[in-house]
Amino acid sequence: MKFCSECAHPVSLSIPDGDNRPRYVCSNCGAIHYQNPKMVLGSIPVWDEGGDMRILLCKRAIEPRLGYWTLPAGFMENNETTSNAAIRETIEEAGANIQLHELFSLLNVPHVHQVHMFYRATLLDLNYEAGVESLEVKLFSADEIPWDDIAFPTVSQTLKFFLEDHAALKDGGTYHFHTADITKPMIQPKSVAIN
């Protein structure tokens, strides 16, 4: 940040009185510009017909990670609840009608200043289609998930948590709320062919 959004004067990085970390402070008007983590919200849309469970994934049409597969998710907007954001992102990226269930995973990604949250969801029908941010939208069974081409570690971890809980259902298990910290930056991707 170079300029104050209140008065347009230059800002400098300093620790304000009563604070414990550097903030951008305007020496002209005194405004302190706090920067906070961004929230990424998404869903795990599932179609289960007669025990044939499949998960809806989107192939990204935008950077970062163009051409890689992800759960439908994106940045939360102002004046939205987390559940509203998850539903909106699912509609925008996958054109999917869902019934949202409980919050399933919360993943902290401190090195990029983000928190990712995913809700369990049931597809209400199979009328889905790729939105402008997706090249393709497709249902995958557990053994078809393209693990090497998953876009983000938070998506991989959420899918692993989900598949573990889903497998435990047959033995009387349930879906649980999961948390994890993703502390390592992603390895730079190999090129992915865009079809």
N, C-alpha and C. Protein backbone atom coordinates (compact mmCIF):
# COMPACT_ATOMS: atom_id res chain seq x y z
N MET A 1 0.85 -1.17 0.00
CA MET A 1 0.00 0.00 0.00
C MET A 1 0.90 1.24 0.00
N LYS A 2 0.57 2.18 -0.87
CA LYS A 2 1.40 3.39 -0.98
C LYS A 2 0.69 4.65 -0.54
N PHE A 3 -0.66 4.69 -0.72
CA PHE A 3 -1.39 5.91 -0.44
C PHE A 3 -2.62 5.63 0.42
N CYS A 4 -2.98 6.61 1.22
CA CYS A 4 -4.12 6.52 2.12
C CYS A 4 -5.42 6.57 1.32
N SER A 5 -6.32 5.65 1.60
CA SER A 5 -7.62 5.64 0.91
C SER A 5 -8.57 6.70 1.47
N GLU A 6 -8.18 7.33 2.58
CA GLU A 6 -9.01 8.39 3.18
C GLU A 6 -8.66 9.76 2.62
N CYS A 7 -7.35 10.05 2.48
CA CYS A 7 -6.95 11.41 2.07
C CYS A 7 -5.94 11.43 0.92
N ALA A 8 -5.53 10.28 0.44
CA ALA A 8 -4.63 10.13 -0.71
C ALA A 8 -3.18 10.53 -0.45
N HIS A 9 -2.81 10.76 0.79
CA HIS A 9 -1.41 11.06 1.12
C HIS A 9 -0.63 9.75 1.26
N PRO A 10 0.69 9.79 1.14
CA PRO A 10 1.49 8.57 1.30
C PRO A 10 1.34 7.97 2.71
N VAL A 11 1.44 6.66 2.77
CA VAL A 11 1.41 5.96 4.06
C VAL A 11 2.77 5.34 4.32
N SER A 12 3.02 5.04 5.58
CA SER A 12 4.26 4.35 5.95
C SER A 12 3.92 3.19 6.87
N LEU A 13 4.79 2.22 6.90
CA LEU A 13 4.60 1.05 7.75
C LEU A 13 5.19 1.34 9.11
N SER A 14 4.32 1.30 10.14
CA SER A 14 4.79 1.52 11.51
C SER A 14 3.84 0.82 12.48
N ILE A 15 4.28 0.67 13.73
CA ILE A 15 3.44 0.05 14.74
C ILE A 15 2.69 1.15 15.48
N PRO A 16 1.36 1.23 15.31
CA PRO A 16 0.59 2.27 15.99
C PRO A 16 0.61 2.08 17.51
N ASP A 17 0.39 3.16 18.24
CA ASP A 17 0.30 3.09 19.69
C ASP A 17 -0.77 2.08 20.09
N GLY A 18 -0.44 1.21 21.04
CA GLY A 18 -1.38 0.22 21.53
C GLY A 18 -1.51 -1.01 20.65
N ASP A 19 -0.73 -1.08 19.59
CA ASP A 19 -0.77 -2.24 18.69
C ASP A 19 0.51 -3.04 18.87
N ASN A 20 0.62 -4.18 18.20
CA ASN A 20 1.81 -5.01 18.35
C ASN A 20 2.39 -5.46 17.02
N ARG A 21 1.90 -4.91 15.91
CA ARG A 21 2.43 -5.28 14.61
C ARG A 21 2.37 -4.11 13.65
N PRO A 22 3.22 -4.13 12.64
CA PRO A 22 3.25 -3.02 11.68
C PRO A 22 1.95 -2.91 10.89
N ARG A 23 1.51 -1.68 10.71
CA ARG A 23 0.31 -1.36 9.91
C ARG A 23 0.66 -0.19 9.00
N TYR A 24 -0.09 -0.05 7.91
CA TYR A 24 0.07 1.13 7.08
C TYR A 24 -0.66 2.29 7.76
N VAL A 25 0.10 3.35 8.06
CA VAL A 25 -0.45 4.50 8.79
C VAL A 25 -0.23 5.76 7.95
N CYS A 26 -1.26 6.60 7.90
CA CYS A 26 -1.16 7.87 7.19
C CYS A 26 -0.68 8.94 8.15
N SER A 27 0.43 9.59 7.82
CA SER A 27 0.96 10.64 8.69
C SER A 27 0.17 11.94 8.55
N ASN A 28 -0.65 12.04 7.51
CA ASN A 28 -1.45 13.24 7.30
C ASN A 28 -2.74 13.22 8.11
N CYS A 29 -3.57 12.19 7.94
CA CYS A 29 -4.86 12.16 8.62
C CYS A 29 -4.90 11.18 9.79
N GLY A 30 -3.85 10.36 9.95
CA GLY A 30 -3.77 9.43 11.07
C GLY A 30 -4.51 8.12 10.87
N ALA A 31 -5.10 7.90 9.70
CA ALA A 31 -5.83 6.66 9.45
C ALA A 31 -4.89 5.46 9.52
N ILE A 32 -5.36 4.42 10.20
CA ILE A 32 -4.61 3.16 10.27
C ILE A 32 -5.32 2.19 9.33
N HIS A 33 -4.58 1.63 8.40
CA HIS A 33 -5.16 0.75 7.39
C HIS A 33 -4.84 -0.70 7.76
N TYR A 34 -5.84 -1.37 8.35
CA TYR A 34 -5.69 -2.76 8.75
C TYR A 34 -5.90 -3.65 7.54
N GLN A 35 -5.08 -4.67 7.43
CA GLN A 35 -5.24 -5.65 6.37
C GLN A 35 -5.48 -7.00 7.03
N ASN A 36 -6.57 -7.64 6.63
CA ASN A 36 -7.00 -8.87 7.27
C ASN A 36 -7.12 -10.00 6.25
N PRO A 37 -7.09 -11.24 6.74
CA PRO A 37 -7.18 -12.37 5.80
C PRO A 37 -8.47 -12.35 4.99
N LYS A 38 -8.39 -12.90 3.79
CA LYS A 38 -9.56 -13.03 2.92
C LYS A 38 -10.20 -14.39 3.18
N MET A 39 -11.52 -14.42 3.06
CA MET A 39 -12.28 -15.64 3.27
C MET A 39 -12.64 -16.25 1.92
N VAL A 40 -12.33 -17.53 1.75
CA VAL A 40 -12.70 -18.28 0.55
C VAL A 40 -13.76 -19.29 0.98
N LEU A 41 -14.92 -19.26 0.31
CA LEU A 41 -16.03 -20.14 0.66
C LEU A 41 -16.39 -21.02 -0.50
N GLY A 42 -16.73 -22.26 -0.20
CA GLY A 42 -17.10 -23.18 -1.26
C GLY A 42 -17.94 -24.32 -0.73
N SER A 43 -18.24 -25.24 -1.64
CA SER A 43 -19.07 -26.39 -1.28
C SER A 43 -18.44 -27.68 -1.82
N ILE A 44 -18.93 -28.78 -1.27
CA ILE A 44 -18.58 -30.12 -1.74
C ILE A 44 -19.88 -30.71 -2.28
N PRO A 45 -20.21 -30.42 -3.55
CA PRO A 45 -21.49 -30.86 -4.10
C PRO A 45 -21.45 -32.35 -4.45
N VAL A 46 -22.37 -33.10 -3.90
CA VAL A 46 -22.38 -34.55 -4.04
C VAL A 46 -23.69 -35.01 -4.68
N TRP A 47 -23.56 -35.95 -5.60
CA TRP A 47 -24.72 -36.65 -6.17
C TRP A 47 -24.58 -38.10 -5.76
N ASP A 48 -25.59 -38.62 -5.04
CA ASP A 48 -25.53 -40.01 -4.56
C ASP A 48 -26.81 -40.70 -4.97
N GLU A 49 -26.68 -41.63 -5.91
CA GLU A 49 -27.83 -42.35 -6.42
C GLU A 49 -27.60 -43.84 -6.19
N GLY A 50 -28.34 -44.39 -5.25
CA GLY A 50 -28.22 -45.82 -4.97
C GLY A 50 -26.84 -46.22 -4.48
N GLY A 51 -26.20 -45.35 -3.70
CA GLY A 51 -24.88 -45.66 -3.18
C GLY A 51 -23.73 -45.34 -4.12
N ASP A 52 -24.06 -44.83 -5.31
CA ASP A 52 -23.02 -44.41 -6.27
C ASP A 52 -22.75 -42.92 -6.04
N MET A 53 -21.85 -42.63 -5.10
CA MET A 53 -21.56 -41.26 -4.71
C MET A 53 -20.52 -40.65 -5.64
N ARG A 54 -20.82 -39.44 -6.13
CA ARG A 54 -19.88 -38.71 -6.97
C ARG A 54 -19.83 -37.26 -6.53
N ILE A 55 -18.67 -36.65 -6.73
CA ILE A 55 -18.42 -35.26 -6.30
C ILE A 55 -18.25 -34.39 -7.53
N LEU A 56 -18.88 -33.22 -7.51
CA LEU A 56 -18.79 -32.28 -8.63
C LEU A 56 -17.55 -31.41 -8.50
N LEU A 57 -16.70 -31.44 -9.52
CA LEU A 57 -15.50 -30.61 -9.57
C LEU A 57 -15.54 -29.71 -10.80
N CYS A 58 -14.83 -28.59 -10.70
CA CYS A 58 -14.76 -27.61 -11.79
C CYS A 58 -13.31 -27.50 -12.27
N LYS A 59 -13.13 -27.48 -13.59
CA LYS A 59 -11.79 -27.23 -14.15
C LYS A 59 -11.65 -25.73 -14.34
N ARG A 60 -10.63 -25.14 -13.73
CA ARG A 60 -10.49 -23.69 -13.69
C ARG A 60 -10.19 -23.09 -15.07
N ALA A 61 -10.90 -22.00 -15.38
CA ALA A 61 -10.69 -21.28 -16.64
C ALA A 61 -9.89 -20.01 -16.42
N ILE A 62 -9.44 -19.79 -15.18
CA ILE A 62 -8.70 -18.58 -14.83
C ILE A 62 -7.49 -18.93 -13.98
N GLU A 63 -6.54 -18.02 -13.95
CA GLU A 63 -5.41 -18.15 -13.02
C GLU A 63 -5.86 -17.65 -11.65
N PRO A 64 -5.27 -18.10 -10.57
CA PRO A 64 -4.19 -19.09 -10.56
C PRO A 64 -4.71 -20.50 -10.81
N ARG A 65 -3.80 -21.33 -11.30
CA ARG A 65 -4.06 -22.76 -11.50
C ARG A 65 -5.06 -23.04 -12.62
N LEU A 66 -4.93 -22.28 -13.70
CA LEU A 66 -5.72 -22.50 -14.90
C LEU A 66 -5.58 -23.95 -15.36
N GLY A 67 -6.71 -24.60 -15.64
CA GLY A 67 -6.69 -25.98 -16.14
C GLY A 67 -6.67 -27.04 -15.06
N TYR A 68 -6.61 -26.64 -13.81
CA TYR A 68 -6.62 -27.61 -12.70
C TYR A 68 -8.04 -27.72 -12.14
N TRP A 69 -8.31 -28.84 -11.47
CA TRP A 69 -9.64 -29.12 -10.92
C TRP A 69 -9.77 -28.60 -9.49
N THR A 70 -10.97 -28.13 -9.16
CA THR A 70 -11.23 -27.59 -7.84
C THR A 70 -12.68 -27.83 -7.45
N LEU A 71 -12.96 -27.73 -6.17
CA LEU A 71 -14.34 -27.62 -5.72
C LEU A 71 -14.81 -26.21 -6.04
N PRO A 72 -16.10 -26.00 -6.28
CA PRO A 72 -16.56 -24.64 -6.53
C PRO A 72 -16.39 -23.77 -5.28
N ALA A 73 -15.62 -22.70 -5.43
CA ALA A 73 -15.31 -21.84 -4.28
C ALA A 73 -14.76 -20.52 -4.77
N GLY A 74 -14.82 -19.51 -3.91
CA GLY A 74 -14.26 -18.22 -4.25
C GLY A 74 -14.35 -17.27 -3.07
N PHE A 75 -13.91 -16.04 -3.30
CA PHE A 75 -13.85 -15.06 -2.22
C PHE A 75 -15.24 -14.62 -1.79
N MET A 76 -15.43 -14.54 -0.49
CA MET A 76 -16.66 -14.03 0.10
C MET A 76 -16.78 -12.54 -0.19
N GLU A 77 -17.99 -12.09 -0.46
CA GLU A 77 -18.26 -10.68 -0.72
C GLU A 77 -18.76 -10.01 0.56
N ASN A 78 -18.65 -8.68 0.61
CA ASN A 78 -19.26 -7.93 1.70
C ASN A 78 -20.77 -8.16 1.69
N ASN A 79 -21.38 -8.05 2.86
CA ASN A 79 -22.83 -8.22 3.02
C ASN A 79 -23.31 -9.62 2.67
N GLU A 80 -22.45 -10.62 2.82
CA GLU A 80 -22.80 -12.01 2.58
C GLU A 80 -22.54 -12.82 3.85
N THR A 81 -23.33 -13.87 4.05
CA THR A 81 -22.99 -14.85 5.07
C THR A 81 -22.08 -15.89 4.43
N THR A 82 -21.43 -16.71 5.23
CA THR A 82 -20.57 -17.75 4.67
C THR A 82 -21.39 -18.74 3.84
N SER A 83 -22.59 -19.08 4.30
CA SER A 83 -23.41 -20.02 3.53
C SER A 83 -23.89 -19.39 2.23
N ASN A 84 -24.27 -18.11 2.25
CA ASN A 84 -24.66 -17.42 1.01
C ASN A 84 -23.51 -17.43 0.01
N ALA A 85 -22.30 -17.19 0.49
CA ALA A 85 -21.13 -17.16 -0.39
C ALA A 85 -20.88 -18.53 -1.02
N ALA A 86 -21.01 -19.59 -0.22
CA ALA A 86 -20.79 -20.95 -0.74
C ALA A 86 -21.82 -21.29 -1.82
N ILE A 87 -23.07 -20.94 -1.61
CA ILE A 87 -24.11 -21.20 -2.60
C ILE A 87 -23.86 -20.37 -3.86
N ARG A 88 -23.57 -19.08 -3.71
CA ARG A 88 -23.33 -18.20 -4.85
C ARG A 88 -22.17 -18.72 -5.69
N GLU A 89 -21.05 -19.07 -5.04
CA GLU A 89 -19.89 -19.56 -5.78
C GLU A 89 -20.20 -20.86 -6.52
N THR A 90 -21.00 -21.73 -5.93
CA THR A 90 -21.37 -22.99 -6.57
C THR A 90 -22.22 -22.72 -7.82
N ILE A 91 -23.11 -21.75 -7.73
CA ILE A 91 -23.93 -21.37 -8.89
C ILE A 91 -23.05 -20.73 -9.95
N GLU A 92 -22.18 -19.79 -9.55
CA GLU A 92 -21.34 -19.07 -10.52
C GLU A 92 -20.37 -19.98 -11.25
N GLU A 93 -19.73 -20.90 -10.54
CA GLU A 93 -18.68 -21.71 -11.14
C GLU A 93 -19.19 -23.01 -11.76
N ALA A 94 -20.28 -23.55 -11.20
CA ALA A 94 -20.74 -24.86 -11.66
C ALA A 94 -22.19 -24.84 -12.15
N GLY A 95 -22.89 -23.72 -12.02
CA GLY A 95 -24.29 -23.67 -12.44
C GLY A 95 -25.14 -24.70 -11.72
N ALA A 96 -24.73 -25.09 -10.51
CA ALA A 96 -25.36 -26.22 -9.82
C ALA A 96 -26.36 -25.76 -8.76
N ASN A 97 -27.47 -26.48 -8.70
CA ASN A 97 -28.49 -26.26 -7.66
C ASN A 97 -28.16 -27.20 -6.51
N ILE A 98 -27.94 -26.64 -5.33
CA ILE A 98 -27.54 -27.47 -4.19
C ILE A 98 -28.41 -27.20 -2.98
N GLN A 99 -28.43 -28.21 -2.11
CA GLN A 99 -28.93 -28.03 -0.75
C GLN A 99 -27.68 -28.01 0.13
N LEU A 100 -27.48 -26.91 0.81
CA LEU A 100 -26.28 -26.76 1.64
C LEU A 100 -26.51 -27.42 2.99
N HIS A 101 -25.49 -28.12 3.47
CA HIS A 101 -25.54 -28.76 4.79
C HIS A 101 -24.59 -28.01 5.73
N GLU A 102 -24.02 -28.72 6.68
CA GLU A 102 -23.18 -28.08 7.69
C GLU A 102 -21.80 -27.72 7.14
N LEU A 103 -21.15 -26.79 7.83
CA LEU A 103 -19.76 -26.46 7.52
C LEU A 103 -18.92 -27.70 7.77
N PHE A 104 -18.12 -28.08 6.79
CA PHE A 104 -17.37 -29.33 6.86
C PHE A 104 -15.90 -29.12 7.18
N SER A 105 -15.26 -28.12 6.53
CA SER A 105 -13.83 -27.93 6.76
C SER A 105 -13.48 -26.46 6.83
N LEU A 106 -12.48 -26.16 7.64
CA LEU A 106 -11.93 -24.82 7.78
C LEU A 106 -10.41 -24.98 7.72
N LEU A 107 -9.80 -24.34 6.70
CA LEU A 107 -8.37 -24.49 6.49
C LEU A 107 -7.71 -23.12 6.50
N ASN A 108 -6.75 -22.96 7.39
CA ASN A 108 -5.98 -21.71 7.47
C ASN A 108 -4.82 -21.78 6.49
N VAL A 109 -4.65 -20.70 5.72
CA VAL A 109 -3.56 -20.62 4.76
C VAL A 109 -2.83 -19.31 5.03
N PRO A 110 -2.05 -19.26 6.13
CA PRO A 110 -1.49 -17.98 6.58
C PRO A 110 -0.51 -17.33 5.61
N HIS A 111 0.24 -18.11 4.82
CA HIS A 111 1.24 -17.52 3.95
C HIS A 111 0.63 -16.76 2.77
N VAL A 112 -0.67 -16.95 2.51
CA VAL A 112 -1.35 -16.14 1.49
C VAL A 112 -2.50 -15.34 2.11
N HIS A 113 -2.54 -15.28 3.44
CA HIS A 113 -3.50 -14.45 4.18
C HIS A 113 -4.95 -14.84 3.85
N GLN A 114 -5.25 -16.15 3.90
CA GLN A 114 -6.58 -16.62 3.56
C GLN A 114 -7.05 -17.67 4.56
N VAL A 115 -8.37 -17.80 4.65
CA VAL A 115 -9.04 -18.88 5.37
C VAL A 115 -10.04 -19.48 4.39
N HIS A 116 -9.96 -20.80 4.16
CA HIS A 116 -10.86 -21.49 3.23
C HIS A 116 -11.86 -22.33 4.02
N MET A 117 -13.13 -22.22 3.67
CA MET A 117 -14.19 -22.98 4.34
C MET A 117 -15.05 -23.67 3.29
N PHE A 118 -15.37 -24.94 3.54
CA PHE A 118 -16.20 -25.70 2.62
C PHE A 118 -17.39 -26.32 3.37
N TYR A 119 -18.55 -26.19 2.77
CA TYR A 119 -19.78 -26.80 3.29
C TYR A 119 -20.07 -28.08 2.53
N ARG A 120 -20.61 -29.08 3.22
CA ARG A 120 -21.15 -30.24 2.52
C ARG A 120 -22.40 -29.79 1.78
N ALA A 121 -22.66 -30.39 0.64
CA ALA A 121 -23.84 -30.02 -0.14
C ALA A 121 -24.33 -31.21 -0.96
N THR A 122 -25.62 -31.23 -1.21
CA THR A 122 -26.24 -32.24 -2.05
C THR A 122 -26.71 -31.58 -3.34
N LEU A 123 -26.35 -32.16 -4.47
CA LEU A 123 -26.87 -31.69 -5.75
C LEU A 123 -28.36 -32.03 -5.81
N LEU A 124 -29.18 -31.05 -6.17
CA LEU A 124 -30.62 -31.26 -6.26
C LEU A 124 -31.03 -31.85 -7.61
N ASP A 125 -30.18 -31.68 -8.59
CA ASP A 125 -30.43 -32.23 -9.92
C ASP A 125 -29.10 -32.27 -10.66
N LEU A 126 -29.14 -32.75 -11.89
CA LEU A 126 -27.91 -32.84 -12.69
C LEU A 126 -27.85 -31.75 -13.76
N ASN A 127 -28.56 -30.66 -13.53
CA ASN A 127 -28.57 -29.52 -14.45
C ASN A 127 -27.46 -28.54 -14.09
N TYR A 128 -26.23 -28.97 -14.24
CA TYR A 128 -25.09 -28.09 -13.96
C TYR A 128 -24.38 -27.78 -15.27
N GLU A 129 -23.63 -26.69 -15.27
CA GLU A 129 -22.87 -26.31 -16.46
C GLU A 129 -21.75 -25.37 -16.04
N ALA A 130 -20.69 -25.36 -16.81
CA ALA A 130 -19.53 -24.53 -16.50
C ALA A 130 -19.90 -23.05 -16.56
N GLY A 131 -19.51 -22.32 -15.52
CA GLY A 131 -19.66 -20.87 -15.52
C GLY A 131 -18.45 -20.24 -16.20
N VAL A 132 -18.39 -18.91 -16.18
CA VAL A 132 -17.31 -18.21 -16.90
C VAL A 132 -15.93 -18.49 -16.32
N GLU A 133 -15.85 -18.91 -15.05
CA GLU A 133 -14.55 -19.19 -14.43
C GLU A 133 -14.18 -20.67 -14.53
N SER A 134 -15.00 -21.46 -15.23
CA SER A 134 -14.75 -22.90 -15.35
C SER A 134 -14.71 -23.31 -16.81
N LEU A 135 -13.75 -24.18 -17.15
CA LEU A 135 -13.67 -24.75 -18.49
C LEU A 135 -14.63 -25.93 -18.63
N GLU A 136 -14.81 -26.64 -17.52
CA GLU A 136 -15.59 -27.88 -17.53
C GLU A 136 -16.06 -28.16 -16.12
N VAL A 137 -17.19 -28.81 -15.99
CA VAL A 137 -17.71 -29.24 -14.70
C VAL A 137 -18.07 -30.72 -14.86
N LYS A 138 -17.63 -31.54 -13.90
CA LYS A 138 -17.79 -32.98 -14.07
C LYS A 138 -17.95 -33.67 -12.73
N LEU A 139 -18.74 -34.73 -12.71
CA LEU A 139 -18.89 -35.58 -11.53
C LEU A 139 -17.79 -36.64 -11.52
N PHE A 140 -17.18 -36.83 -10.36
CA PHE A 140 -16.11 -37.83 -10.20
C PHE A 140 -16.48 -38.78 -9.06
N SER A 141 -16.32 -40.08 -9.30
CA SER A 141 -16.40 -41.04 -8.20
C SER A 141 -15.10 -40.94 -7.40
N ALA A 142 -15.08 -41.55 -6.24
CA ALA A 142 -13.91 -41.45 -5.36
C ALA A 142 -12.64 -41.92 -6.04
N ASP A 143 -12.74 -42.98 -6.86
CA ASP A 143 -11.53 -43.51 -7.51
C ASP A 143 -11.19 -42.81 -8.82
N GLU A 144 -11.99 -41.83 -9.24
CA GLU A 144 -11.71 -41.08 -10.46
C GLU A 144 -11.13 -39.69 -10.20
N ILE A 145 -11.07 -39.27 -8.95
CA ILE A 145 -10.61 -37.90 -8.66
C ILE A 145 -9.18 -37.72 -9.19
N PRO A 146 -8.96 -36.67 -9.98
CA PRO A 146 -7.63 -36.44 -10.58
C PRO A 146 -6.67 -35.77 -9.58
N TRP A 147 -6.19 -36.54 -8.62
CA TRP A 147 -5.41 -36.00 -7.51
C TRP A 147 -4.20 -35.18 -7.97
N ASP A 148 -3.53 -35.59 -9.03
CA ASP A 148 -2.36 -34.85 -9.50
C ASP A 148 -2.71 -33.52 -10.14
N ASP A 149 -3.98 -33.34 -10.47
CA ASP A 149 -4.41 -32.11 -11.13
C ASP A 149 -5.40 -31.31 -10.29
N ILE A 150 -5.35 -31.50 -8.97
CA ILE A 150 -6.19 -30.69 -8.07
C ILE A 150 -5.50 -29.34 -7.87
N ALA A 151 -6.27 -28.27 -7.95
CA ALA A 151 -5.73 -26.92 -8.00
C ALA A 151 -5.01 -26.48 -6.72
N PHE A 152 -5.59 -26.75 -5.56
CA PHE A 152 -5.08 -26.17 -4.33
C PHE A 152 -5.00 -27.21 -3.21
N PRO A 153 -4.02 -27.07 -2.31
CA PRO A 153 -3.91 -27.99 -1.18
C PRO A 153 -5.15 -28.02 -0.29
N THR A 154 -5.85 -26.88 -0.17
CA THR A 154 -7.06 -26.86 0.67
C THR A 154 -8.15 -27.75 0.07
N VAL A 155 -8.21 -27.80 -1.25
CA VAL A 155 -9.20 -28.65 -1.92
C VAL A 155 -8.82 -30.12 -1.76
N SER A 156 -7.54 -30.44 -1.96
CA SER A 156 -7.08 -31.83 -1.75
C SER A 156 -7.37 -32.30 -0.34
N GLN A 157 -7.04 -31.46 0.64
CA GLN A 157 -7.24 -31.84 2.04
C GLN A 157 -8.72 -32.02 2.36
N THR A 158 -9.55 -31.12 1.86
CA THR A 158 -10.99 -31.23 2.10
C THR A 158 -11.55 -32.50 1.47
N LEU A 159 -11.13 -32.81 0.24
CA LEU A 159 -11.58 -34.04 -0.41
C LEU A 159 -11.13 -35.28 0.37
N LYS A 160 -9.91 -35.27 0.89
CA LYS A 160 -9.43 -36.41 1.69
C LYS A 160 -10.26 -36.57 2.96
N PHE A 161 -10.51 -35.46 3.66
CA PHE A 161 -11.36 -35.51 4.85
C PHE A 161 -12.75 -36.07 4.49
N PHE A 162 -13.31 -35.57 3.40
CA PHE A 162 -14.65 -35.98 3.01
C PHE A 162 -14.71 -37.47 2.68
N LEU A 163 -13.76 -37.95 1.90
CA LEU A 163 -13.77 -39.36 1.50
C LEU A 163 -13.55 -40.27 2.70
N GLU A 164 -12.72 -39.85 3.65
CA GLU A 164 -12.53 -40.65 4.88
C GLU A 164 -13.84 -40.75 5.66
N ASP A 165 -14.51 -39.61 5.85
CA ASP A 165 -15.78 -39.62 6.59
C ASP A 165 -16.84 -40.42 5.83
N HIS A 166 -16.89 -40.25 4.52
CA HIS A 166 -17.90 -40.95 3.72
C HIS A 166 -17.69 -42.47 3.80
N ALA A 167 -16.44 -42.92 3.74
CA ALA A 167 -16.14 -44.35 3.84
C ALA A 167 -16.56 -44.90 5.20
N ALA A 168 -16.47 -44.07 6.25
CA ALA A 168 -16.81 -44.52 7.60
C ALA A 168 -18.31 -44.62 7.83
N LEU A 169 -19.11 -44.03 6.94
CA LEU A 169 -20.57 -44.06 7.11
C LEU A 169 -21.11 -45.48 7.16
N LYS A 170 -20.55 -46.37 6.35
CA LYS A 170 -21.06 -47.75 6.30
C LYS A 170 -20.85 -48.49 7.62
N ASP A 171 -19.91 -48.02 8.44
CA ASP A 171 -19.66 -48.63 9.75
C ASP A 171 -20.26 -47.81 10.88
N GLY A 172 -21.24 -46.97 10.54
CA GLY A 172 -21.92 -46.18 11.57
C GLY A 172 -21.26 -44.85 11.86
N GLY A 173 -20.28 -44.46 11.08
CA GLY A 173 -19.62 -43.17 11.29
C GLY A 173 -20.48 -42.01 10.81
N THR A 174 -20.00 -40.82 11.02
CA THR A 174 -20.71 -39.61 10.60
C THR A 174 -19.71 -38.65 9.96
N TYR A 175 -20.26 -37.62 9.34
CA TYR A 175 -19.41 -36.53 8.86
C TYR A 175 -19.03 -35.66 10.05
N HIS A 176 -17.78 -35.26 10.10
CA HIS A 176 -17.27 -34.43 11.18
C HIS A 176 -16.82 -33.08 10.64
N PHE A 177 -16.66 -32.12 11.52
CA PHE A 177 -16.06 -30.84 11.16
C PHE A 177 -14.55 -31.00 11.25
N HIS A 178 -13.83 -30.54 10.22
CA HIS A 178 -12.38 -30.72 10.15
C HIS A 178 -11.67 -29.37 10.03
N THR A 179 -10.51 -29.28 10.65
CA THR A 179 -9.67 -28.10 10.49
C THR A 179 -8.25 -28.55 10.15
N ALA A 180 -7.54 -27.66 9.47
CA ALA A 180 -6.14 -27.93 9.15
C ALA A 180 -5.45 -26.61 8.85
N ASP A 181 -4.14 -26.61 9.03
CA ASP A 181 -3.32 -25.46 8.66
C ASP A 181 -2.44 -25.87 7.49
N ILE A 182 -2.54 -25.12 6.42
CA ILE A 182 -1.70 -25.35 5.24
C ILE A 182 -0.58 -24.32 5.33
N THR A 183 0.59 -24.76 5.74
CA THR A 183 1.67 -23.81 6.04
C THR A 183 2.76 -23.74 4.99
N LYS A 184 2.74 -24.67 4.04
CA LYS A 184 3.78 -24.66 3.00
C LYS A 184 3.21 -24.08 1.72
N PRO A 185 3.96 -23.20 1.07
CA PRO A 185 3.52 -22.73 -0.25
C PRO A 185 3.44 -23.89 -1.23
N MET A 186 2.57 -23.74 -2.22
CA MET A 186 2.41 -24.78 -3.23
C MET A 186 3.67 -24.91 -4.07
N ILE A 187 3.94 -26.13 -4.50
CA ILE A 187 5.00 -26.36 -5.47
C ILE A 187 4.51 -25.80 -6.80
N GLN A 188 5.38 -25.15 -7.54
CA GLN A 188 4.96 -24.60 -8.82
C GLN A 188 4.46 -25.71 -9.72
N PRO A 189 3.31 -25.45 -10.38
CA PRO A 189 2.68 -26.51 -11.17
C PRO A 189 3.42 -26.82 -12.47
N LYS A 190 3.24 -28.07 -12.90
CA LYS A 190 3.66 -28.43 -14.24
C LYS A 190 2.60 -27.88 -15.19
N SER A 191 2.92 -27.82 -16.45
CA SER A 191 1.94 -27.34 -17.43
C SER A 191 0.82 -28.36 -17.55
N VAL A 192 -0.40 -27.84 -17.66
CA VAL A 192 -1.56 -28.70 -17.83
C VAL A 192 -2.18 -28.37 -19.17
N ALA A 193 -2.45 -29.40 -19.95
CA ALA A 193 -3.08 -29.19 -21.26
C ALA A 193 -4.52 -28.75 -21.07
N ILE A 194 -4.92 -27.71 -21.76
CA ILE A 194 -6.28 -27.21 -21.72
C ILE A 194 -7.02 -27.76 -22.94
N ASN A 195 -8.02 -28.58 -22.68
CA ASN A 195 -8.79 -29.16 -23.79
C ASN A 195 -10.08 -28.39 -23.99
